[in-house]
Amino acid sequence: MSTDARINNEPGFILHTYPFKETSVVAEMFTRSHGRVALIARGARRPASALRGLMQPFTPLLLSWFGKSELKTLHGAEWQGGLIAPQGRALMCGFYLNELLLRLLARGDAHEVLYERYVATLDQLAGETCNTDYERAIYFERILRRFEKNLLSEIGYGATFDVEAVSGALINPEARYVFQPERGALQANGQPGCPVSGQTLLDLAGDRFERPATLVEAKALMRALINHTLGAKPLYTRQLLRDLTELNP
C-alpha cells in the first residue's frame, strides 16, 4: 500500500485522543487491517462537529482517511454499532487494554487476529454479570491475563511456558521455577527472576486461569514481562486499577 493511499470504511477503535491546534484532535486508532494509525480529526472539537460525539474510546467505527505522512487526515467516521461500551471497573480495564496497545504496538503494523481478540475482550468486559465483588474481580483478572498473554505473543514477545529454558525438559507441575524475560523458566536455585510454580506455567501454556494461585502468579509474571518490554515508563491505568482494588477489597 502506498503511503498516500485513501482508505475507506476501515473498522477501528479510538485508543487515545489529544488536542491538535485550536479545534482539532489527533486520534490514535487501532484498526483491523492497518494496525495503529494516527489520524487528525479536523474541527472535531467544534460544538457542531459531526465527529465530536464519535471521538470516544470503545465506540466501533468505520473510518476513512488519507495522507502521505505518518499523521493521516480523517475524512470520515461512522458509528458501526454492535458493541456495548464497558462501564465501571470494566471501563477501567478497557482503558488498560487501550494503553497496552498504544504503548506496545508500532504504527502501521497490521494485527488482524489481535484486533478480533480486542473486540471480543471488550464484549466480555461489558457482558460481566457476576453476583459478588470477589467474583467480578476474578472475572476481570482472567480476561486481562489472557489478553496480555495474547498481545505479547502477537507482537513477537511471546514466552514459552511449558519447557525449561536451559535443559529443554518439560515443566514439572510440582516444582518451583523463576522466570527471566529474555530466557524463560529456570529451576529456582537462587537465580534471579519472577518466582512461579510449575503448575502456573503449565496453566499459562494451556490458557487456563481457573486456579486462584495461577491468577496471582500469572499477574506478577505478566507484569514482569510487560515491564521488560515497555522499559522504565509506567502504565498509568495499571496504577489506577491497583488503587481501585485497594479501595474495594
C-alpha atoms as a PDB file:
ATOM      1  CA  MET A   1       0.000   0.000   0.000  1.00  0.00           C
ATOM      2  CA  SER A   2       1.366   3.413  -0.899  1.00  0.00           C
ATOM      3  CA  THR A   3       1.738   5.911   1.882  1.00  0.00           C
ATOM      4  CA  ASP A   4      -0.748   8.313   0.260  1.00  0.00           C
ATOM      5  CA  ALA A   5      -3.480   5.721  -0.377  1.00  0.00           C
ATOM      6  CA  ARG A   6      -7.015   6.657   0.536  1.00  0.00           C
ATOM      7  CA  ILE A   7      -8.548   4.186   2.960  1.00  0.00           C
ATOM      8  CA  ASN A   8     -12.316   3.862   3.150  1.00  0.00           C
ATOM      9  CA  ASN A   9     -14.606   2.253   5.725  1.00  0.00           C
ATOM     10  CA  GLU A  10     -11.922   0.561   7.808  1.00  0.00           C
ATOM     11  CA  PRO A  11     -13.186  -0.862  11.133  1.00  0.00           C
ATOM     12  CA  GLY A  12     -11.408   0.644  14.119  1.00  0.00           C
ATOM     13  CA  PHE A  13     -11.479   1.961  17.670  1.00  0.00           C
ATOM     14  CA  ILE A  14     -10.045   5.050  19.326  1.00  0.00           C
ATOM     15  CA  LEU A  15      -7.280   4.267  21.796  1.00  0.00           C
ATOM     16  CA  HIS A  16      -6.497   7.856  22.801  1.00  0.00           C
ATOM     17  CA  THR A  17      -7.061  11.442  21.649  1.00  0.00           C
ATOM     18  CA  TYR A  18      -5.272  14.702  22.323  1.00  0.00           C
ATOM     19  CA  PRO A  19      -5.881  18.284  21.177  1.00  0.00           C
ATOM     20  CA  PHE A  20      -4.363  19.476  17.924  1.00  0.00           C
ATOM     21  CA  LYS A  21      -4.258  23.187  17.101  1.00  0.00           C
ATOM     22  CA  GLU A  22      -7.387  25.116  18.069  1.00  0.00           C
ATOM     23  CA  THR A  23     -10.323  22.952  17.062  1.00  0.00           C
ATOM     24  CA  SER A  24      -8.927  19.577  16.044  1.00  0.00           C
ATOM     25  CA  VAL A  25      -7.756  16.398  17.737  1.00  0.00           C
ATOM     26  CA  VAL A  26      -5.277  13.661  16.941  1.00  0.00           C
ATOM     27  CA  ALA A  27      -6.858  10.256  17.402  1.00  0.00           C
ATOM     28  CA  GLU A  28      -4.676   7.214  17.906  1.00  0.00           C
ATOM     29  CA  MET A  29      -6.712   4.427  16.343  1.00  0.00           C
ATOM     30  CA  PHE A  30      -6.489   0.642  16.394  1.00  0.00           C
ATOM     31  CA  THR A  31      -7.780  -0.654  13.061  1.00  0.00           C
ATOM     32  CA  ARG A  32      -8.366  -4.159  11.793  1.00  0.00           C
ATOM     33  CA  SER A  33      -6.258  -4.134   8.628  1.00  0.00           C
ATOM     34  CA  HIS A  34      -3.818  -1.260   9.236  1.00  0.00           C
ATOM     35  CA  GLY A  35      -2.969  -1.642  12.913  1.00  0.00           C
ATOM     36  CA  ARG A  36      -2.319   1.503  14.915  1.00  0.00           C
ATOM     37  CA  VAL A  37      -2.894   4.687  12.913  1.00  0.00           C
ATOM     38  CA  ALA A  38      -2.710   8.344  13.985  1.00  0.00           C
ATOM     39  CA  LEU A  39      -5.423  10.486  12.400  1.00  0.00           C
ATOM     40  CA  ILE A  40      -6.092  14.238  12.543  1.00  0.00           C
ATOM     41  CA  ALA A  41      -9.803  14.844  13.073  1.00  0.00           C
ATOM     42  CA  ARG A  42     -10.090  18.418  11.851  1.00  0.00           C
ATOM     43  CA  GLY A  43     -12.666  20.547  13.630  1.00  0.00           C
ATOM     44  CA  ALA A  44     -13.697  17.683  15.932  1.00  0.00           C
ATOM     45  CA  ARG A  45     -13.659  19.961  18.991  1.00  0.00           C
ATOM     46  CA  ARG A  46     -16.207  22.370  17.499  1.00  0.00           C
ATOM     47  CA  PRO A  47     -19.633  22.035  19.195  1.00  0.00           C
ATOM     48  CA  ALA A  48     -21.404  21.473  15.873  1.00  0.00           C
ATOM     49  CA  SER A  49     -18.903  18.921  14.515  1.00  0.00           C
ATOM     50  CA  ALA A  50     -20.359  15.579  13.423  1.00  0.00           C
ATOM     51  CA  LEU A  51     -17.140  13.945  14.634  1.00  0.00           C
ATOM     52  CA  ARG A  52     -17.312  15.347  18.159  1.00  0.00           C
ATOM     53  CA  GLY A  53     -19.578  12.647  19.570  1.00  0.00           C
ATOM     54  CA  LEU A  54     -17.708   9.849  17.817  1.00  0.00           C
ATOM     55  CA  MET A  55     -14.254  10.611  19.211  1.00  0.00           C
ATOM     56  CA  GLN A  56     -14.746   8.301  22.193  1.00  0.00           C
ATOM     57  CA  PRO A  57     -12.979   5.056  23.158  1.00  0.00           C
ATOM     58  CA  PHE A  58     -14.835   1.742  22.804  1.00  0.00           C
ATOM     59  CA  THR A  59     -17.046   3.073  20.014  1.00  0.00           C
ATOM     60  CA  PRO A  60     -16.934   0.776  16.950  1.00  0.00           C
ATOM     61  CA  LEU A  61     -16.257   2.999  13.953  1.00  0.00           C
ATOM     62  CA  LEU A  62     -15.892   2.773  10.201  1.00  0.00           C
ATOM     63  CA  LEU A  63     -13.018   5.103   9.378  1.00  0.00           C
ATOM     64  CA  SER A  64     -11.860   6.753   6.174  1.00  0.00           C
ATOM     65  CA  TRP A  65      -8.582   8.652   5.851  1.00  0.00           C
ATOM     66  CA  PHE A  66      -5.821   9.803   3.519  1.00  0.00           C
ATOM     67  CA  GLY A  67      -2.333  11.265   3.760  1.00  0.00           C
ATOM     68  CA  LYS A  68       1.335  10.844   2.892  1.00  0.00           C
ATOM     69  CA  SER A  69       2.868  11.327   6.335  1.00  0.00           C
ATOM     70  CA  GLU A  70       2.681   9.185   9.462  1.00  0.00           C
ATOM     71  CA  LEU A  71      -0.047  11.541  10.695  1.00  0.00           C
ATOM     72  CA  LYS A  72      -3.002  10.947   8.350  1.00  0.00           C
ATOM     73  CA  THR A  73      -6.145  13.029   7.893  1.00  0.00           C
ATOM     74  CA  LEU A  74      -9.503  11.590   8.902  1.00  0.00           C
ATOM     75  CA  HIS A  75     -12.163  12.450   6.326  1.00  0.00           C
ATOM     76  CA  GLY A  76     -14.999  10.263   7.553  1.00  0.00           C
ATOM     77  CA  ALA A  77     -16.163   8.291  10.581  1.00  0.00           C
ATOM     78  CA  GLU A  78     -19.390   6.371  11.080  1.00  0.00           C
ATOM     79  CA  TRP A  79     -20.693   4.539  14.105  1.00  0.00           C
ATOM     80  CA  GLN A  80     -20.664   0.823  13.314  1.00  0.00           C
ATOM     81  CA  GLY A  81     -22.703  -0.390  16.265  1.00  0.00           C
ATOM     82  CA  GLY A  82     -22.906  -3.918  17.595  1.00  0.00           C
ATOM     83  CA  LEU A  83     -20.921  -3.436  20.817  1.00  0.00           C
ATOM     84  CA  ILE A  84     -21.918  -2.198  24.262  1.00  0.00           C
ATOM     85  CA  ALA A  85     -19.314   0.038  25.915  1.00  0.00           C
ATOM     86  CA  PRO A  86     -17.935  -1.258  29.252  1.00  0.00           C
ATOM     87  CA  GLN A  87     -18.922   0.526  32.453  1.00  0.00           C
ATOM     88  CA  GLY A  88     -17.489   0.893  35.968  1.00  0.00           C
ATOM     89  CA  ARG A  89     -14.490  -1.301  36.705  1.00  0.00           C
ATOM     90  CA  ALA A  90     -14.879  -2.879  33.268  1.00  0.00           C
ATOM     91  CA  LEU A  91     -14.330   0.596  31.805  1.00  0.00           C
ATOM     92  CA  MET A  92     -11.028   0.936  33.669  1.00  0.00           C
ATOM     93  CA  CYS A  93      -9.991  -2.478  32.354  1.00  0.00           C
ATOM     94  CA  GLY A  94     -10.813  -1.260  28.855  1.00  0.00           C
ATOM     95  CA  PHE A  95      -8.608   1.801  29.305  1.00  0.00           C
ATOM     96  CA  TYR A  96      -5.836  -0.528  30.470  1.00  0.00           C
ATOM     97  CA  LEU A  97      -6.148  -2.542  27.249  1.00  0.00           C
ATOM     98  CA  ASN A  98      -6.009   0.688  25.242  1.00  0.00           C
ATOM     99  CA  GLU A  99      -2.865   1.843  26.995  1.00  0.00           C
ATOM    100  CA  LEU A 100      -1.195  -1.522  26.379  1.00  0.00           C
ATOM    101  CA  LEU A 101      -1.996  -1.302  22.665  1.00  0.00           C
ATOM    102  CA  LEU A 102      -0.888   2.321  22.475  1.00  0.00           C
ATOM    103  CA  ARG A 103       2.430   1.574  24.153  1.00  0.00           C
ATOM    104  CA  LEU A 104       3.253  -1.802  22.602  1.00  0.00           C
ATOM    105  CA  LEU A 105       2.044  -1.602  19.002  1.00  0.00           C
ATOM    106  CA  ALA A 106       4.115   0.098  16.331  1.00  0.00           C
ATOM    107  CA  ARG A 107       2.192   2.306  13.932  1.00  0.00           C
ATOM    108  CA  GLY A 108       1.281   0.705  10.621  1.00  0.00           C
ATOM    109  CA  ASP A 109       1.710  -2.942  11.609  1.00  0.00           C
ATOM    110  CA  ALA A 110      -1.442  -4.934  10.932  1.00  0.00           C
ATOM    111  CA  HIS A 111      -2.628  -7.292  13.683  1.00  0.00           C
ATOM    112  CA  GLU A 112      -5.952  -8.636  12.483  1.00  0.00           C
ATOM    113  CA  VAL A 113      -6.058 -11.560  14.927  1.00  0.00           C
ATOM    114  CA  LEU A 114      -5.260  -9.221  17.817  1.00  0.00           C
ATOM    115  CA  TYR A 115      -7.948  -6.803  16.620  1.00  0.00           C
ATOM    116  CA  GLU A 116     -10.565  -9.545  16.766  1.00  0.00           C
ATOM    117  CA  ARG A 117      -9.335 -10.524  20.241  1.00  0.00           C
ATOM    118  CA  TYR A 118      -9.626  -6.899  21.341  1.00  0.00           C
ATOM    119  CA  VAL A 119     -13.237  -6.696  20.136  1.00  0.00           C
ATOM    120  CA  ALA A 120     -14.080  -9.997  21.842  1.00  0.00           C
ATOM    121  CA  THR A 121     -12.390  -8.839  25.059  1.00  0.00           C
ATOM    122  CA  LEU A 122     -14.357  -5.578  25.136  1.00  0.00           C
ATOM    123  CA  ASP A 123     -17.511  -7.622  24.666  1.00  0.00           C
ATOM    124  CA  GLN A 124     -16.537  -9.877  27.585  1.00  0.00           C
ATOM    125  CA  LEU A 125     -15.814  -6.881  29.806  1.00  0.00           C
ATOM    126  CA  ALA A 126     -19.151  -5.260  29.013  1.00  0.00           C
ATOM    127  CA  GLY A 127     -21.012  -8.549  29.479  1.00  0.00           C
ATOM    128  CA  GLU A 128     -19.939  -9.115  33.107  1.00  0.00           C
ATOM    129  CA  THR A 129     -22.861 -10.356  35.243  1.00  0.00           C
ATOM    130  CA  CYS A 130     -21.136 -11.519  38.452  1.00  0.00           C
ATOM    131  CA  ASN A 131     -23.038 -11.535  41.755  1.00  0.00           C
ATOM    132  CA  THR A 132     -20.254 -10.502  44.146  1.00  0.00           C
ATOM    133  CA  ASP A 133     -17.282  -8.160  44.099  1.00  0.00           C
ATOM    134  CA  TYR A 134     -14.932 -11.128  44.502  1.00  0.00           C
ATOM    135  CA  GLU A 135     -16.410 -12.976  41.525  1.00  0.00           C
ATOM    136  CA  ARG A 136     -16.271  -9.772  39.497  1.00  0.00           C
ATOM    137  CA  ALA A 137     -12.601  -9.201  40.342  1.00  0.00           C
ATOM    138  CA  ILE A 138     -11.696 -12.790  39.371  1.00  0.00           C
ATOM    139  CA  TYR A 139     -13.664 -12.472  36.146  1.00  0.00           C
ATOM    140  CA  PHE A 140     -11.767  -9.349  35.098  1.00  0.00           C
ATOM    141  CA  GLU A 141      -8.393 -10.781  36.157  1.00  0.00           C
ATOM    142  CA  ARG A 142      -8.860 -13.785  33.881  1.00  0.00           C
ATOM    143  CA  ILE A 143      -9.815 -11.572  30.954  1.00  0.00           C
ATOM    144  CA  LEU A 144      -6.815  -9.248  31.422  1.00  0.00           C
ATOM    145  CA  ARG A 145      -4.257 -12.038  31.856  1.00  0.00           C
ATOM    146  CA  ARG A 146      -5.445 -13.800  28.718  1.00  0.00           C
ATOM    147  CA  PHE A 147      -5.314 -10.591  26.681  1.00  0.00           C
ATOM    148  CA  GLU A 148      -1.830  -9.699  27.981  1.00  0.00           C
ATOM    149  CA  LYS A 149      -0.504 -13.113  27.042  1.00  0.00           C
ATOM    150  CA  ASN A 150      -2.025 -12.986  23.555  1.00  0.00           C
ATOM    151  CA  LEU A 151      -0.816  -9.424  22.985  1.00  0.00           C
ATOM    152  CA  LEU A 152       2.795 -10.276  23.851  1.00  0.00           C
ATOM    153  CA  SER A 153       2.661 -13.298  21.582  1.00  0.00           C
ATOM    154  CA  GLU A 154       1.185 -11.303  18.703  1.00  0.00           C
ATOM    155  CA  ILE A 155       3.928  -8.648  18.775  1.00  0.00           C
ATOM    156  CA  GLY A 156       6.758 -11.168  18.942  1.00  0.00           C
ATOM    157  CA  TYR A 157       7.413 -11.230  22.690  1.00  0.00           C
ATOM    158  CA  GLY A 158       5.596 -14.467  23.405  1.00  0.00           C
ATOM    159  CA  ALA A 159       7.153 -16.716  26.021  1.00  0.00           C
ATOM    160  CA  THR A 160       7.452 -20.487  26.227  1.00  0.00           C
ATOM    161  CA  PHE A 161       5.863 -21.615  29.464  1.00  0.00           C
ATOM    162  CA  ASP A 162       5.824 -25.413  29.263  1.00  0.00           C
ATOM    163  CA  VAL A 163       9.554 -26.113  28.751  1.00  0.00           C
ATOM    164  CA  GLU A 164      12.541 -25.360  30.993  1.00  0.00           C
ATOM    165  CA  ALA A 165      14.829 -22.843  29.284  1.00  0.00           C
ATOM    166  CA  VAL A 166      18.243 -24.485  29.777  1.00  0.00           C
ATOM    167  CA  SER A 167      17.576 -28.226  29.721  1.00  0.00           C
ATOM    168  CA  GLY A 168      14.556 -28.249  27.432  1.00  0.00           C
ATOM    169  CA  ALA A 169      12.795 -30.531  29.920  1.00  0.00           C
ATOM    170  CA  LEU A 170       9.043 -30.357  30.311  1.00  0.00           C
ATOM    171  CA  ILE A 171       7.899 -28.217  33.217  1.00  0.00           C
ATOM    172  CA  ASN A 172       7.178 -30.206  36.378  1.00  0.00           C
ATOM    173  CA  PRO A 173       3.875 -29.016  37.905  1.00  0.00           C
ATOM    174  CA  GLU A 174       5.198 -29.802  41.416  1.00  0.00           C
ATOM    175  CA  ALA A 175       8.459 -27.849  41.039  1.00  0.00           C
ATOM    176  CA  ARG A 176       9.298 -24.196  41.668  1.00  0.00           C
ATOM    177  CA  TYR A 177      10.871 -22.016  38.997  1.00  0.00           C
ATOM    178  CA  VAL A 178      11.924 -18.471  38.299  1.00  0.00           C
ATOM    179  CA  PHE A 179      11.068 -16.821  35.010  1.00  0.00           C
ATOM    180  CA  GLN A 180      13.507 -14.481  33.274  1.00  0.00           C
ATOM    181  CA  PRO A 181      12.005 -12.443  30.400  1.00  0.00           C
ATOM    182  CA  GLU A 182      14.894 -12.987  27.989  1.00  0.00           C
ATOM    183  CA  ARG A 183      15.462 -16.645  28.839  1.00  0.00           C
ATOM    184  CA  GLY A 184      12.315 -18.292  30.160  1.00  0.00           C
ATOM    185  CA  ALA A 185      11.668 -20.716  33.004  1.00  0.00           C
ATOM    186  CA  LEU A 186      14.646 -21.800  35.106  1.00  0.00           C
ATOM    187  CA  GLN A 187      14.937 -24.051  38.114  1.00  0.00           C
ATOM    188  CA  ALA A 188      14.585 -21.992  41.285  1.00  0.00           C
ATOM    189  CA  ASN A 189      18.116 -22.478  42.607  1.00  0.00           C
ATOM    190  CA  GLY A 190      18.725 -18.981  43.905  1.00  0.00           C
ATOM    191  CA  GLN A 191      18.646 -17.428  40.440  1.00  0.00           C
ATOM    192  CA  PRO A 192      17.037 -14.023  39.862  1.00  0.00           C
ATOM    193  CA  GLY A 193      13.672 -13.827  38.183  1.00  0.00           C
ATOM    194  CA  CYS A 194       9.957 -13.871  38.832  1.00  0.00           C
ATOM    195  CA  PRO A 195       9.118 -16.810  41.123  1.00  0.00           C
ATOM    196  CA  VAL A 196       6.430 -19.096  39.761  1.00  0.00           C
ATOM    197  CA  SER A 197       5.167 -22.634  40.243  1.00  0.00           C
ATOM    198  CA  GLY A 198       5.348 -25.272  37.562  1.00  0.00           C
ATOM    199  CA  GLN A 199       1.574 -25.633  37.668  1.00  0.00           C
ATOM    200  CA  THR A 200       1.101 -21.939  36.920  1.00  0.00           C
ATOM    201  CA  LEU A 201       3.485 -22.193  33.956  1.00  0.00           C
ATOM    202  CA  LEU A 202       1.542 -25.149  32.576  1.00  0.00           C
ATOM    203  CA  ASP A 203      -1.731 -23.314  33.121  1.00  0.00           C
ATOM    204  CA  LEU A 204      -0.356 -20.333  31.195  1.00  0.00           C
ATOM    205  CA  ALA A 205       0.774 -22.595  28.379  1.00  0.00           C
ATOM    206  CA  GLY A 206      -2.700 -24.115  28.233  1.00  0.00           C
ATOM    207  CA  ASP A 207      -4.502 -20.770  28.577  1.00  0.00           C
ATOM    208  CA  ARG A 208      -6.117 -21.904  31.827  1.00  0.00           C
ATOM    209  CA  PHE A 209      -6.837 -19.313  34.516  1.00  0.00           C
ATOM    210  CA  GLU A 210      -9.238 -21.116  36.832  1.00  0.00           C
ATOM    211  CA  ARG A 211      -6.884 -21.726  39.800  1.00  0.00           C
ATOM    212  CA  PRO A 212      -6.694 -18.754  42.207  1.00  0.00           C
ATOM    213  CA  ALA A 213      -2.959 -19.436  42.729  1.00  0.00           C
ATOM    214  CA  THR A 214      -2.431 -19.344  38.967  1.00  0.00           C
ATOM    215  CA  LEU A 215      -4.145 -15.954  38.749  1.00  0.00           C
ATOM    216  CA  VAL A 216      -1.931 -14.496  41.475  1.00  0.00           C
ATOM    217  CA  GLU A 217       1.330 -15.759  39.976  1.00  0.00           C
ATOM    218  CA  ALA A 218       0.281 -15.094  36.381  1.00  0.00           C
ATOM    219  CA  LYS A 219      -0.435 -11.466  37.264  1.00  0.00           C
ATOM    220  CA  ALA A 220       3.079 -10.993  38.662  1.00  0.00           C
ATOM    221  CA  LEU A 221       4.653 -12.798  35.707  1.00  0.00           C
ATOM    222  CA  MET A 222       2.705 -10.893  33.058  1.00  0.00           C
ATOM    223  CA  ARG A 223       3.619  -7.642  34.815  1.00  0.00           C
ATOM    224  CA  ALA A 224       7.308  -8.585  34.700  1.00  0.00           C
ATOM    225  CA  LEU A 225       7.137  -9.479  31.005  1.00  0.00           C
ATOM    226  CA  ILE A 226       5.248  -6.297  30.088  1.00  0.00           C
ATOM    227  CA  ASN A 227       7.570  -4.108  32.153  1.00  0.00           C
ATOM    228  CA  HIS A 228      10.562  -5.689  30.429  1.00  0.00           C
ATOM    229  CA  THR A 229       9.011  -4.939  27.037  1.00  0.00           C
ATOM    230  CA  LEU A 230       7.943  -1.369  27.897  1.00  0.00           C
ATOM    231  CA  GLY A 231      11.044  -0.213  29.713  1.00  0.00           C
ATOM    232  CA  ALA A 232      11.047   2.286  32.574  1.00  0.00           C
ATOM    233  CA  LYS A 233       7.899   4.315  31.823  1.00  0.00           C
ATOM    234  CA  PRO A 234       4.987   3.060  33.969  1.00  0.00           C
ATOM    235  CA  LEU A 235       1.464   2.235  32.835  1.00  0.00           C
ATOM    236  CA  TYR A 236      -0.880   4.833  34.309  1.00  0.00           C
ATOM    237  CA  THR A 237      -4.014   2.709  34.106  1.00  0.00           C
ATOM    238  CA  ARG A 238      -2.307  -0.122  35.966  1.00  0.00           C
ATOM    239  CA  GLN A 239      -1.854   2.165  38.972  1.00  0.00           C
ATOM    240  CA  LEU A 240      -5.473   3.297  38.729  1.00  0.00           C
ATOM    241  CA  LEU A 241      -6.655  -0.313  38.734  1.00  0.00           C
ATOM    242  CA  ARG A 242      -4.418  -1.029  41.721  1.00  0.00           C
ATOM    243  CA  ASP A 243      -5.843   1.943  43.603  1.00  0.00           C
ATOM    244  CA  LEU A 244      -9.375   0.862  42.776  1.00  0.00           C
ATOM    245  CA  THR A 245      -8.673  -2.630  44.098  1.00  0.00           C
ATOM    246  CA  GLU A 246      -7.299  -1.206  47.335  1.00  0.00           C
ATOM    247  CA  LEU A 247     -10.419   0.897  47.814  1.00  0.00           C
ATOM    248  CA  ASN A 248     -12.673  -2.080  47.110  1.00  0.00           C
ATOM    249  CA  PRO A 249     -11.011  -5.200  48.565  1.00  0.00           C
END
